Amino acid sequence: MSQTKVAITIEEGVLAKIDALVRRKVFSNRSRAIQEAVLEKLERLDRNRLAEECAKLDSVFERAMADEGLSEESDAWPKY
């Protein structure tokens, strides 16, 4: 995947924590630490969005649809 350089402004305390992680070899460099933090946050936001969308579903209706689908398909399943 291609990468692009960007400039960011970051609090000194946060940068000090990142530098400490780099010194401890948790990350190879500042860029890697920040990139992984951003990716983790984006993934968390995606999971939250999925959870919010799932919460909108009608559980009774979804259960009925699942049960209906299972009862129709079970007749066609081979017996072992």
PDB file of N, CA and C in Angstrom:
ATOM      1  N   MET A   1       0.852  -1.171   0.000  1.00  0.00           N
ATOM      2  CA  MET A   1       0.000   0.000   0.000  1.00  0.00           C
ATOM      3  C   MET A   1       0.900   1.237   0.000  1.00  0.00           C
ATOM      4  N   SER A   2       0.552   2.219  -0.774  1.00  0.00           N
ATOM      5  CA  SER A   2       1.369   3.432  -0.830  1.00  0.00           C
ATOM      6  C   SER A   2       1.170   4.268   0.425  1.00  0.00           C
ATOM      7  N   GLN A   3       2.171   5.042   0.738  1.00  0.00           N
ATOM      8  CA  GLN A   3       2.123   5.881   1.926  1.00  0.00           C
ATOM      9  C   GLN A   3       2.358   7.325   1.534  1.00  0.00           C
ATOM     10  N   THR A   4       1.810   8.235   2.323  1.00  0.00           N
ATOM     11  CA  THR A   4       1.951   9.663   2.090  1.00  0.00           C
ATOM     12  C   THR A   4       2.407  10.310   3.384  1.00  0.00           C
ATOM     13  N   LYS A   5       3.341  11.226   3.272  1.00  0.00           N
ATOM     14  CA  LYS A   5       3.788  11.961   4.456  1.00  0.00           C
ATOM     15  C   LYS A   5       2.776  13.036   4.806  1.00  0.00           C
ATOM     16  N   VAL A   6       2.539  13.186   6.107  1.00  0.00           N
ATOM     17  CA  VAL A   6       1.672  14.249   6.603  1.00  0.00           C
ATOM     18  C   VAL A   6       2.339  14.877   7.821  1.00  0.00           C
ATOM     19  N   ALA A   7       2.006  16.100   8.084  1.00  0.00           N
ATOM     20  CA  ALA A   7       2.496  16.783   9.290  1.00  0.00           C
ATOM     21  C   ALA A   7       1.338  16.851  10.274  1.00  0.00           C
ATOM     22  N   ILE A   8       1.622  16.559  11.543  1.00  0.00           N
ATOM     23  CA  ILE A   8       0.578  16.634  12.565  1.00  0.00           C
ATOM     24  C   ILE A   8       1.080  17.465  13.732  1.00  0.00           C
ATOM     25  N   THR A   9       0.137  17.968  14.486  1.00  0.00           N
ATOM     26  CA  THR A   9       0.443  18.664  15.728  1.00  0.00           C
ATOM     27  C   THR A   9       0.000  17.742  16.848  1.00  0.00           C
ATOM     28  N   ILE A  10       0.887  17.547  17.828  1.00  0.00           N
ATOM     29  CA  ILE A  10       0.600  16.602  18.894  1.00  0.00           C
ATOM     30  C   ILE A  10       1.111  17.173  20.220  1.00  0.00           C
ATOM     31  N   GLU A  11       0.405  16.897  21.280  1.00  0.00           N
ATOM     32  CA  GLU A  11       0.809  17.395  22.596  1.00  0.00           C
ATOM     33  C   GLU A  11       2.154  16.787  22.990  1.00  0.00           C
ATOM     34  N   GLU A  12       2.954  17.574  23.685  1.00  0.00           N
ATOM     35  CA  GLU A  12       4.289  17.122  24.083  1.00  0.00           C
ATOM     36  C   GLU A  12       4.232  15.868  24.953  1.00  0.00           C
ATOM     37  N   GLY A  13       3.275  15.795  25.841  1.00  0.00           N
ATOM     38  CA  GLY A  13       3.147  14.628  26.711  1.00  0.00           C
ATOM     39  C   GLY A  13       2.851  13.356  25.932  1.00  0.00           C
ATOM     40  N   VAL A  14       2.000  13.482  24.934  1.00  0.00           N
ATOM     41  CA  VAL A  14       1.675  12.330  24.095  1.00  0.00           C
ATOM     42  C   VAL A  14       2.906  11.901  23.314  1.00  0.00           C
ATOM     43  N   LEU A  15       3.617  12.864  22.774  1.00  0.00           N
ATOM     44  CA  LEU A  15       4.835  12.557  22.019  1.00  0.00           C
ATOM     45  C   LEU A  15       5.882  11.886  22.912  1.00  0.00           C
ATOM     46  N   ALA A  16       5.981  12.327  24.151  1.00  0.00           N
ATOM     47  CA  ALA A  16       6.926  11.710  25.091  1.00  0.00           C
ATOM     48  C   ALA A  16       6.568  10.245  25.322  1.00  0.00           C
ATOM     49  N   LYS A  17       5.279   9.941  25.428  1.00  0.00           N
ATOM     50  CA  LYS A  17       4.851   8.555  25.610  1.00  0.00           C
ATOM     51  C   LYS A  17       5.171   7.717  24.370  1.00  0.00           C
ATOM     52  N   ILE A  18       4.959   8.300  23.198  1.00  0.00           N
ATOM     53  CA  ILE A  18       5.282   7.598  21.956  1.00  0.00           C
ATOM     54  C   ILE A  18       6.782   7.327  21.883  1.00  0.00           C
ATOM     55  N   ASP A  19       7.572   8.334  22.207  1.00  0.00           N
ATOM     56  CA  ASP A  19       9.026   8.168  22.182  1.00  0.00           C
ATOM     57  C   ASP A  19       9.476   7.078  23.154  1.00  0.00           C
ATOM     58  N   ALA A  20       8.833   6.995  24.304  1.00  0.00           N
ATOM     59  CA  ALA A  20       9.178   5.955  25.280  1.00  0.00           C
ATOM     60  C   ALA A  20       8.880   4.568  24.699  1.00  0.00           C
ATOM     61  N   LEU A  21       7.777   4.448  23.994  1.00  0.00           N
ATOM     62  CA  LEU A  21       7.435   3.167  23.367  1.00  0.00           C
ATOM     63  C   LEU A  21       8.438   2.800  22.278  1.00  0.00           C
ATOM     64  N   VAL A  22       8.889   3.802  21.540  1.00  0.00           N
ATOM     65  CA  VAL A  22       9.899   3.557  20.503  1.00  0.00           C
ATOM     66  C   VAL A  22      11.212   3.122  21.155  1.00  0.00           C
ATOM     67  N   ARG A  23      11.607   3.774  22.231  1.00  0.00           N
ATOM     68  CA  ARG A  23      12.842   3.386  22.932  1.00  0.00           C
ATOM     69  C   ARG A  23      12.762   1.957  23.467  1.00  0.00           C
ATOM     70  N   ARG A  24      11.554   1.560  23.903  1.00  0.00           N
ATOM     71  CA  ARG A  24      11.368   0.199  24.421  1.00  0.00           C
ATOM     72  C   ARG A  24      11.170  -0.811  23.295  1.00  0.00           C
ATOM     73  N   LYS A  25      11.244  -0.347  22.055  1.00  0.00           N
ATOM     74  CA  LYS A  25      11.115  -1.202  20.856  1.00  0.00           C
ATOM     75  C   LYS A  25       9.708  -1.786  20.683  1.00  0.00           C
ATOM     76  N   VAL A  26       8.717  -1.123  21.276  1.00  0.00           N
ATOM     77  CA  VAL A  26       7.332  -1.530  21.045  1.00  0.00           C
ATOM     78  C   VAL A  26       6.955  -1.187  19.609  1.00  0.00           C
ATOM     79  N   PHE A  27       7.437  -0.044  19.141  1.00  0.00           N
ATOM     80  CA  PHE A  27       7.262   0.391  17.755  1.00  0.00           C
ATOM     81  C   PHE A  27       8.629   0.716  17.180  1.00  0.00           C
ATOM     82  N   SER A  28       8.766   0.561  15.878  1.00  0.00           N
ATOM     83  CA  SER A  28      10.056   0.824  15.243  1.00  0.00           C
ATOM     84  C   SER A  28      10.369   2.314  15.162  1.00  0.00           C
ATOM     85  N   ASN A  29       9.327   3.140  15.097  1.00  0.00           N
ATOM     86  CA  ASN A  29       9.526   4.584  15.020  1.00  0.00           C
ATOM     87  C   ASN A  29       8.222   5.307  15.342  1.00  0.00           C
ATOM     88  N   ARG A  30       8.287   6.624  15.403  1.00  0.00           N
ATOM     89  CA  ARG A  30       7.097   7.426  15.718  1.00  0.00           C
ATOM     90  C   ARG A  30       5.988   7.216  14.686  1.00  0.00           C
ATOM     91  N   SER A  31       6.379   7.217  13.434  1.00  0.00           N
ATOM     92  CA  SER A  31       5.378   7.078  12.374  1.00  0.00           C
ATOM     93  C   SER A  31       4.589   5.787  12.523  1.00  0.00           C
ATOM     94  N   ARG A  32       5.305   4.692  12.792  1.00  0.00           N
ATOM     95  CA  ARG A  32       4.631   3.396  12.950  1.00  0.00           C
ATOM     96  C   ARG A  32       3.686   3.427  14.149  1.00  0.00           C
ATOM     97  N   ALA A  33       4.107   4.025  15.240  1.00  0.00           N
ATOM     98  CA  ALA A  33       3.268   4.105  16.435  1.00  0.00           C
ATOM     99  C   ALA A  33       1.982   4.882  16.147  1.00  0.00           C
ATOM    100  N   ILE A  34       2.124   6.017  15.506  1.00  0.00           N
ATOM    101  CA  ILE A  34       0.953   6.848  15.210  1.00  0.00           C
ATOM    102  C   ILE A  34       0.060   6.168  14.188  1.00  0.00           C
ATOM    103  N   GLN A  35       0.655   5.543  13.176  1.00  0.00           N
ATOM    104  CA  GLN A  35      -0.138   4.847  12.160  1.00  0.00           C
ATOM    105  C   GLN A  35      -0.953   3.723  12.785  1.00  0.00           C
ATOM    106  N   GLU A  36      -0.335   2.932  13.648  1.00  0.00           N
ATOM    107  CA  GLU A  36      -1.065   1.835  14.283  1.00  0.00           C
ATOM    108  C   GLU A  36      -2.157   2.353  15.211  1.00  0.00           C
ATOM    109  N   ALA A  37      -1.904   3.450  15.893  1.00  0.00           N
ATOM    110  CA  ALA A  37      -2.926   4.029  16.774  1.00  0.00           C
ATOM    111  C   ALA A  37      -4.130   4.514  15.964  1.00  0.00           C
ATOM    112  N   VAL A  38      -3.864   5.153  14.849  1.00  0.00           N
ATOM    113  CA  VAL A  38      -4.953   5.645  13.997  1.00  0.00           C
ATOM    114  C   VAL A  38      -5.747   4.470  13.421  1.00  0.00           C
ATOM    115  N   LEU A  39      -5.055   3.439  12.945  1.00  0.00           N
ATOM    116  CA  LEU A  39      -5.750   2.269  12.396  1.00  0.00           C
ATOM    117  C   LEU A  39      -6.617   1.591  13.447  1.00  0.00           C
ATOM    118  N   GLU A  40      -6.070   1.470  14.663  1.00  0.00           N
ATOM    119  CA  GLU A  40      -6.842   0.855  15.738  1.00  0.00           C
ATOM    120  C   GLU A  40      -8.098   1.667  16.037  1.00  0.00           C
ATOM    121  N   LYS A  41      -7.988   2.964  16.066  1.00  0.00           N
ATOM    122  CA  LYS A  41      -9.143   3.823  16.330  1.00  0.00           C
ATOM    123  C   LYS A  41     -10.175   3.697  15.217  1.00  0.00           C
ATOM    124  N   LEU A  42      -9.721   3.672  13.972  1.00  0.00           N
ATOM    125  CA  LEU A  42     -10.649   3.527  12.846  1.00  0.00           C
ATOM    126  C   LEU A  42     -11.388   2.191  12.901  1.00  0.00           C
ATOM    127  N   GLU A  43     -10.680   1.121  13.250  1.00  0.00           N
ATOM    128  CA  GLU A  43     -11.330  -0.185  13.379  1.00  0.00           C
ATOM    129  C   GLU A  43     -12.361  -0.177  14.503  1.00  0.00           C
ATOM    130  N   ARG A  44     -12.015   0.473  15.613  1.00  0.00           N
ATOM    131  CA  ARG A  44     -12.955   0.565  16.737  1.00  0.00           C
ATOM    132  C   ARG A  44     -14.204   1.336  16.326  1.00  0.00           C
ATOM    133  N   LEU A  45     -14.035   2.411  15.588  1.00  0.00           N
ATOM    134  CA  LEU A  45     -15.189   3.186  15.118  1.00  0.00           C
ATOM    135  C   LEU A  45     -16.061   2.350  14.187  1.00  0.00           C
ATOM    136  N   ASP A  46     -15.443   1.551  13.322  1.00  0.00           N
ATOM    137  CA  ASP A  46     -16.208   0.681  12.429  1.00  0.00           C
ATOM    138  C   ASP A  46     -17.006  -0.347  13.225  1.00  0.00           C
ATOM    139  N   ARG A  47     -16.384  -0.933  14.255  1.00  0.00           N
ATOM    140  CA  ARG A  47     -17.102  -1.914  15.081  1.00  0.00           C
ATOM    141  C   ARG A  47     -18.276  -1.253  15.800  1.00  0.00           C
ATOM    142  N   ASN A  48     -18.065  -0.044  16.299  1.00  0.00           N
ATOM    143  CA  ASN A  48     -19.148   0.668  16.980  1.00  0.00           C
ATOM    144  C   ASN A  48     -20.292   0.954  16.021  1.00  0.00           C
ATOM    145  N   ARG A  49     -19.944   1.325  14.798  1.00  0.00           N
ATOM    146  CA  ARG A  49     -20.983   1.598  13.803  1.00  0.00           C
ATOM    147  C   ARG A  49     -21.776   0.334  13.503  1.00  0.00           C
ATOM    148  N   LEU A  50     -21.086  -0.800  13.388  1.00  0.00           N
ATOM    149  CA  LEU A  50     -21.773  -2.064  13.148  1.00  0.00           C
ATOM    150  C   LEU A  50     -22.693  -2.406  14.316  1.00  0.00           C
ATOM    151  N   ALA A  51     -22.223  -2.205  15.534  1.00  0.00           N
ATOM    152  CA  ALA A  51     -23.042  -2.479  16.715  1.00  0.00           C
ATOM    153  C   ALA A  51     -24.277  -1.583  16.739  1.00  0.00           C
ATOM    154  N   GLU A  52     -24.109  -0.321  16.361  1.00  0.00           N
ATOM    155  CA  GLU A  52     -25.248   0.602  16.325  1.00  0.00           C
ATOM    156  C   GLU A  52     -26.272   0.155  15.289  1.00  0.00           C
ATOM    157  N   GLU A  53     -25.806  -0.292  14.129  1.00  0.00           N
ATOM    158  CA  GLU A  53     -26.726  -0.756  13.095  1.00  0.00           C
ATOM    159  C   GLU A  53     -27.434  -2.037  13.530  1.00  0.00           C
ATOM    160  N   CYS A  54     -26.711  -2.931  14.189  1.00  0.00           N
ATOM    161  CA  CYS A  54     -27.325  -4.169  14.673  1.00  0.00           C
ATOM    162  C   CYS A  54     -28.382  -3.875  15.728  1.00  0.00           C
ATOM    163  N   ALA A  55     -28.160  -2.857  16.532  1.00  0.00           N
ATOM    164  CA  ALA A  55     -29.120  -2.497  17.577  1.00  0.00           C
ATOM    165  C   ALA A  55     -30.438  -2.019  16.978  1.00  0.00           C
ATOM    166  N   LYS A  56     -30.416  -1.566  15.750  1.00  0.00           N
ATOM    167  CA  LYS A  56     -31.633  -1.091  15.090  1.00  0.00           C
ATOM    168  C   LYS A  56     -32.516  -2.239  14.603  1.00  0.00           C
ATOM    169  N   LEU A  57     -31.955  -3.448  14.537  1.00  0.00           N
ATOM    170  CA  LEU A  57     -32.720  -4.587  14.035  1.00  0.00           C
ATOM    171  C   LEU A  57     -33.796  -5.004  15.025  1.00  0.00           C
ATOM    172  N   ASP A  58     -34.895  -5.512  14.499  1.00  0.00           N
ATOM    173  CA  ASP A  58     -35.983  -6.047  15.320  1.00  0.00           C
ATOM    174  C   ASP A  58     -35.640  -7.500  15.617  1.00  0.00           C
ATOM    175  N   SER A  59     -35.259  -7.792  16.854  1.00  0.00           N
ATOM    176  CA  SER A  59     -34.782  -9.133  17.201  1.00  0.00           C
ATOM    177  C   SER A  59     -35.856 -10.201  17.016  1.00  0.00           C
ATOM    178  N   VAL A  60     -37.115  -9.882  17.273  1.00  0.00           N
ATOM    179  CA  VAL A  60     -38.193 -10.851  17.102  1.00  0.00           C
ATOM    180  C   VAL A  60     -38.346 -11.203  15.630  1.00  0.00           C
ATOM    181  N   PHE A  61     -38.326 -10.193  14.780  1.00  0.00           N
ATOM    182  CA  PHE A  61     -38.445 -10.420  13.336  1.00  0.00           C
ATOM    183  C   PHE A  61     -37.246 -11.207  12.818  1.00  0.00           C
ATOM    184  N   GLU A  62     -36.036 -10.830  13.247  1.00  0.00           N
ATOM    185  CA  GLU A  62     -34.828 -11.513  12.785  1.00  0.00           C
ATOM    186  C   GLU A  62     -34.837 -12.976  13.219  1.00  0.00           C
ATOM    187  N   ARG A  63     -35.285 -13.264  14.450  1.00  0.00           N
ATOM    188  CA  ARG A  63     -35.366 -14.643  14.935  1.00  0.00           C
ATOM    189  C   ARG A  63     -36.361 -15.439  14.101  1.00  0.00           C
ATOM    190  N   ALA A  64     -37.513 -14.839  13.801  1.00  0.00           N
ATOM    191  CA  ALA A  64     -38.523 -15.521  12.990  1.00  0.00           C
ATOM    192  C   ALA A  64     -37.984 -15.831  11.605  1.00  0.00           C
ATOM    193  N   MET A  65     -37.257 -14.883  11.024  1.00  0.00           N
ATOM    194  CA  MET A  65     -36.677 -15.117   9.700  1.00  0.00           C
ATOM    195  C   MET A  65     -35.648 -16.247   9.753  1.00  0.00           C
ATOM    196  N   ALA A  66     -34.825 -16.261  10.775  1.00  0.00           N
ATOM    197  CA  ALA A  66     -33.804 -17.306  10.914  1.00  0.00           C
ATOM    198  C   ALA A  66     -34.458 -18.667  11.119  1.00  0.00           C
ATOM    199  N   ASP A  67     -35.466 -18.722  11.995  1.00  0.00           N
ATOM    200  CA  ASP A  67     -36.142 -19.988  12.260  1.00  0.00           C
ATOM    201  C   ASP A  67     -36.859 -20.495  11.022  1.00  0.00           C
ATOM    202  N   GLU A  68     -37.465 -19.606  10.276  1.00  0.00           N
ATOM    203  CA  GLU A  68     -38.155 -19.983   9.050  1.00  0.00           C
ATOM    204  C   GLU A  68     -37.168 -20.556   8.038  1.00  0.00           C
ATOM    205  N   GLY A  69     -36.052 -19.897   7.897  1.00  0.00           N
ATOM    206  CA  GLY A  69     -35.034 -20.374   6.955  1.00  0.00           C
ATOM    207  C   GLY A  69     -34.472 -21.720   7.357  1.00  0.00           C
ATOM    208  N   LEU A  70     -34.266 -21.931   8.651  1.00  0.00           N
ATOM    209  CA  LEU A  70     -33.737 -23.206   9.124  1.00  0.00           C
ATOM    210  C   LEU A  70     -34.723 -24.338   8.925  1.00  0.00           C
ATOM    211  N   SER A  71     -35.995 -24.079   9.176  1.00  0.00           N
ATOM    212  CA  SER A  71     -36.974 -25.162   9.055  1.00  0.00           C
ATOM    213  C   SER A  71     -37.117 -25.598   7.601  1.00  0.00           C
ATOM    214  N   GLU A  72     -37.040 -24.674   6.665  1.00  0.00           N
ATOM    215  CA  GLU A  72     -37.135 -25.026   5.250  1.00  0.00           C
ATOM    216  C   GLU A  72     -35.908 -25.796   4.794  1.00  0.00           C
ATOM    217  N   GLU A  73     -34.728 -25.394   5.239  1.00  0.00           N
ATOM    218  CA  GLU A  73     -33.498 -26.004   4.780  1.00  0.00           C
ATOM    219  C   GLU A  73     -33.240 -27.357   5.421  1.00  0.00           C
ATOM    220  N   SER A  74     -33.722 -27.578   6.639  1.00  0.00           N
ATOM    221  CA  SER A  74     -33.393 -28.805   7.354  1.00  0.00           C
ATOM    222  C   SER A  74     -33.934 -30.038   6.647  1.00  0.00           C
ATOM    223  N   ASP A  75     -35.040 -29.921   5.887  1.00  0.00           N
ATOM    224  CA  ASP A  75     -35.582 -31.056   5.155  1.00  0.00           C
ATOM    225  C   ASP A  75     -34.636 -31.501   4.039  1.00  0.00           C
ATOM    226  N   ALA A  76     -33.883 -30.517   3.495  1.00  0.00           N
ATOM    227  CA  ALA A  76     -33.001 -30.830   2.373  1.00  0.00           C
ATOM    228  C   ALA A  76     -31.627 -31.311   2.819  1.00  0.00           C
ATOM    229  N   TRP A  77     -31.326 -31.222   4.096  1.00  0.00           N
ATOM    230  CA  TRP A  77     -30.009 -31.633   4.593  1.00  0.00           C
ATOM    231  C   TRP A  77     -29.933 -33.160   4.633  1.00  0.00           C
ATOM    232  N   PRO A  78     -28.799 -33.713   4.235  1.00  0.00           N
ATOM    233  CA  PRO A  78     -28.674 -35.179   4.296  1.00  0.00           C
ATOM    234  C   PRO A  78     -28.570 -35.654   5.747  1.00  0.00           C
ATOM    235  N   LYS A  79     -29.067 -36.853   5.985  1.00  0.00           N
ATOM    236  CA  LYS A  79     -28.965 -37.433   7.333  1.00  0.00           C
ATOM    237  C   LYS A  79     -27.660 -38.201   7.415  1.00  0.00           C
ATOM    238  N   TYR A  80     -26.965 -38.026   8.498  1.00  0.00           N
ATOM    239  CA  TYR A  80     -25.677 -38.693   8.683  1.00  0.00           C
ATOM    240  C   TYR A  80     -25.822 -39.807   9.675  1.00  0.00           C
TER     241      TYR A  80
END
